[in-house]
Every structure is written in structure tokens, then in C-alpha cells.
Amino acid sequence: MVSLLQILLLILSVVQFIIFAHVIMSWLINFGVLNLRQPIVWQIWEGLNRLLEPVYGQIRRVLPSMAGLDLAPLVALLAVYALRIILVNNAAAFY
């Protein structure tokens, strides 16, 4: 059962990394450091959007409009951290 806990924590770590990569890449695109006309940048950006848009869409439906400020990645990260805390605090159930 410990292996199940470790697998779940690994999945949460991967999700956290993907969210961070998406946020940093969006900043780099908006500041003109990365160009979406480059094929590799476009493929990575499109892949990250396809992975995260279903999650962000659900969160955006609940959040009020913030006039151009997207808080969906922050809420998603907070949810990942909350799930990690819940798993670690209930680790005894996995033993």
C-alpha cells in the first residue's frame, strides 16, 4: 500500500510540474521571449493547453471574472497542494 501512496504523490508532482511549466511558458510568450511561430514552441504550448484546459475550464466556471487576470492555475496548484497534504496526513491508512 505504501507503493500506492508513492505513486499518487508522484502523479501530483508531475501535475504540479506541468502547471508550473504552463505558467512560465505563458509568461515567456507574453513577454516576447518565446515565439509561437516556432514549431517546437507551438507543439509544447498546444500540448500543455490540451492537458490543462479541461481542468482550467472547470475552475474558470466557478471563479468570478477578474478582468484579464487568470487565477485558474493558482487554484489548480492550491488543489494539488491540498491533495498532497491530505495524502501525507492520512499516510497511516496506506500502511
C-alpha atoms as a PDB file:
ATOM      1  CA  MET A   1       0.000   0.000   0.000  1.00  0.00           C
ATOM      2  CA  VAL A   2       2.951   2.325   0.525  1.00  0.00           C
ATOM      3  CA  SER A   3       3.630   1.997  -3.179  1.00  0.00           C
ATOM      4  CA  LEU A   4       0.166   3.355  -3.908  1.00  0.00           C
ATOM      5  CA  LEU A   5       0.867   6.410  -1.748  1.00  0.00           C
ATOM      6  CA  GLN A   6       4.174   6.983  -3.524  1.00  0.00           C
ATOM      7  CA  ILE A   7       2.544   6.646  -6.951  1.00  0.00           C
ATOM      8  CA  LEU A   8      -0.161   9.150  -6.016  1.00  0.00           C
ATOM      9  CA  LEU A   9       2.447  11.602  -4.726  1.00  0.00           C
ATOM     10  CA  LEU A  10       4.452  11.139  -7.932  1.00  0.00           C
ATOM     11  CA  ILE A  11       1.367  11.900 -10.038  1.00  0.00           C
ATOM     12  CA  LEU A  12       0.726  15.047  -8.019  1.00  0.00           C
ATOM     13  CA  SER A  13       4.349  16.099  -8.524  1.00  0.00           C
ATOM     14  CA  VAL A  14       4.050  15.635 -12.293  1.00  0.00           C
ATOM     15  CA  VAL A  15       0.809  17.659 -12.352  1.00  0.00           C
ATOM     16  CA  GLN A  16       2.495  20.389 -10.325  1.00  0.00           C
ATOM     17  CA  PHE A  17       5.425  20.482 -12.765  1.00  0.00           C
ATOM     18  CA  ILE A  18       3.089  20.684 -15.762  1.00  0.00           C
ATOM     19  CA  ILE A  19       1.183  23.596 -14.228  1.00  0.00           C
ATOM     20  CA  PHE A  20       4.424  25.434 -13.426  1.00  0.00           C
ATOM     21  CA  ALA A  21       5.710  24.823 -16.962  1.00  0.00           C
ATOM     22  CA  HIS A  22       2.467  26.176 -18.435  1.00  0.00           C
ATOM     23  CA  VAL A  23       2.543  29.316 -16.291  1.00  0.00           C
ATOM     24  CA  ILE A  24       6.209  30.058 -17.014  1.00  0.00           C
ATOM     25  CA  MET A  25       5.751  29.389 -20.722  1.00  0.00           C
ATOM     26  CA  SER A  26       2.742  31.723 -20.851  1.00  0.00           C
ATOM     27  CA  TRP A  27       4.840  34.477 -19.262  1.00  0.00           C
ATOM     28  CA  LEU A  28       7.657  33.912 -21.752  1.00  0.00           C
ATOM     29  CA  ILE A  29       5.233  34.032 -24.674  1.00  0.00           C
ATOM     30  CA  ASN A  30       3.539  37.193 -23.418  1.00  0.00           C
ATOM     31  CA  PHE A  31       6.865  38.974 -22.875  1.00  0.00           C
ATOM     32  CA  GLY A  32       8.077  38.022 -26.342  1.00  0.00           C
ATOM     33  CA  VAL A  33      10.869  35.692 -25.259  1.00  0.00           C
ATOM     34  CA  LEU A  34       9.252  32.692 -26.955  1.00  0.00           C
ATOM     35  CA  ASN A  35       7.654  32.848 -30.380  1.00  0.00           C
ATOM     36  CA  LEU A  36       4.654  30.643 -31.148  1.00  0.00           C
ATOM     37  CA  ARG A  37       5.654  30.568 -34.825  1.00  0.00           C
ATOM     38  CA  GLN A  38       8.478  28.190 -33.930  1.00  0.00           C
ATOM     39  CA  PRO A  39       7.177  24.628 -34.390  1.00  0.00           C
ATOM     40  CA  ILE A  40       8.611  23.137 -31.191  1.00  0.00           C
ATOM     41  CA  VAL A  41       7.322  26.020 -29.067  1.00  0.00           C
ATOM     42  CA  TRP A  42       3.892  25.711 -30.677  1.00  0.00           C
ATOM     43  CA  GLN A  43       3.774  21.937 -30.102  1.00  0.00           C
ATOM     44  CA  ILE A  44       4.745  22.236 -26.434  1.00  0.00           C
ATOM     45  CA  TRP A  45       2.304  25.107 -25.884  1.00  0.00           C
ATOM     46  CA  GLU A  46      -0.537  23.290 -27.634  1.00  0.00           C
ATOM     47  CA  GLY A  47       0.165  20.082 -25.679  1.00  0.00           C
ATOM     48  CA  LEU A  48       0.150  21.895 -22.356  1.00  0.00           C
ATOM     49  CA  ASN A  49      -3.056  23.700 -23.275  1.00  0.00           C
ATOM     50  CA  ARG A  50      -4.754  20.441 -24.249  1.00  0.00           C
ATOM     51  CA  LEU A  51      -3.705  18.853 -20.968  1.00  0.00           C
ATOM     52  CA  LEU A  52      -4.705  21.708 -18.699  1.00  0.00           C
ATOM     53  CA  GLU A  53      -7.666  23.371 -20.414  1.00  0.00           C
ATOM     54  CA  PRO A  54     -10.248  20.820 -19.130  1.00  0.00           C
ATOM     55  CA  VAL A  55      -9.071  21.467 -15.565  1.00  0.00           C
ATOM     56  CA  TYR A  56      -8.805  25.228 -16.012  1.00  0.00           C
ATOM     57  CA  GLY A  57     -12.215  25.335 -17.708  1.00  0.00           C
ATOM     58  CA  GLN A  58     -13.891  23.768 -14.678  1.00  0.00           C
ATOM     59  CA  ILE A  59     -12.146  26.201 -12.348  1.00  0.00           C
ATOM     60  CA  ARG A  60     -12.921  29.243 -14.533  1.00  0.00           C
ATOM     61  CA  ARG A  61     -16.598  28.329 -14.467  1.00  0.00           C
ATOM     62  CA  VAL A  62     -16.629  28.710 -10.689  1.00  0.00           C
ATOM     63  CA  LEU A  63     -14.323  31.742 -10.357  1.00  0.00           C
ATOM     64  CA  PRO A  64     -15.681  35.212 -10.991  1.00  0.00           C
ATOM     65  CA  SER A  65     -14.287  37.212 -13.913  1.00  0.00           C
ATOM     66  CA  MET A  66     -11.149  39.116 -12.883  1.00  0.00           C
ATOM     67  CA  ALA A  67     -10.799  41.422 -15.926  1.00  0.00           C
ATOM     68  CA  GLY A  68      -7.891  39.721 -17.661  1.00  0.00           C
ATOM     69  CA  LEU A  69      -6.338  38.066 -14.604  1.00  0.00           C
ATOM     70  CA  ASP A  70      -6.497  34.273 -14.805  1.00  0.00           C
ATOM     71  CA  LEU A  71      -6.425  32.691 -11.371  1.00  0.00           C
ATOM     72  CA  ALA A  72      -7.199  29.160 -12.601  1.00  0.00           C
ATOM     73  CA  PRO A  73      -3.553  27.973 -12.454  1.00  0.00           C
ATOM     74  CA  LEU A  74      -3.229  29.274  -8.897  1.00  0.00           C
ATOM     75  CA  VAL A  75      -6.395  27.477  -7.809  1.00  0.00           C
ATOM     76  CA  ALA A  76      -5.217  24.301  -9.548  1.00  0.00           C
ATOM     77  CA  LEU A  77      -1.870  24.472  -7.737  1.00  0.00           C
ATOM     78  CA  LEU A  78      -3.625  25.041  -4.419  1.00  0.00           C
ATOM     79  CA  ALA A  79      -5.772  21.972  -5.123  1.00  0.00           C
ATOM     80  CA  VAL A  80      -2.657  19.887  -5.865  1.00  0.00           C
ATOM     81  CA  TYR A  81      -1.031  21.065  -2.625  1.00  0.00           C
ATOM     82  CA  ALA A  82      -4.239  20.337  -0.689  1.00  0.00           C
ATOM     83  CA  LEU A  83      -4.396  16.813  -2.121  1.00  0.00           C
ATOM     84  CA  ARG A  84      -0.746  16.278  -1.221  1.00  0.00           C
ATOM     85  CA  ILE A  85      -1.405  17.415   2.371  1.00  0.00           C
ATOM     86  CA  ILE A  86      -4.438  15.140   2.631  1.00  0.00           C
ATOM     87  CA  LEU A  87      -2.448  12.156   1.339  1.00  0.00           C
ATOM     88  CA  VAL A  88       0.531  12.754   3.612  1.00  0.00           C
ATOM     89  CA  ASN A  89      -1.621  13.335   6.711  1.00  0.00           C
ATOM     90  CA  ASN A  90      -3.548  10.141   6.007  1.00  0.00           C
ATOM     91  CA  ALA A  91      -0.480   8.093   5.132  1.00  0.00           C
ATOM     92  CA  ALA A  92      -1.187   5.742   8.023  1.00  0.00           C
ATOM     93  CA  ALA A  93      -4.151   4.393   6.065  1.00  0.00           C
ATOM     94  CA  PHE A  94      -1.725   3.166   3.406  1.00  0.00           C
ATOM     95  CA  TYR A  95       0.324   1.034   5.826  1.00  0.00           C
END
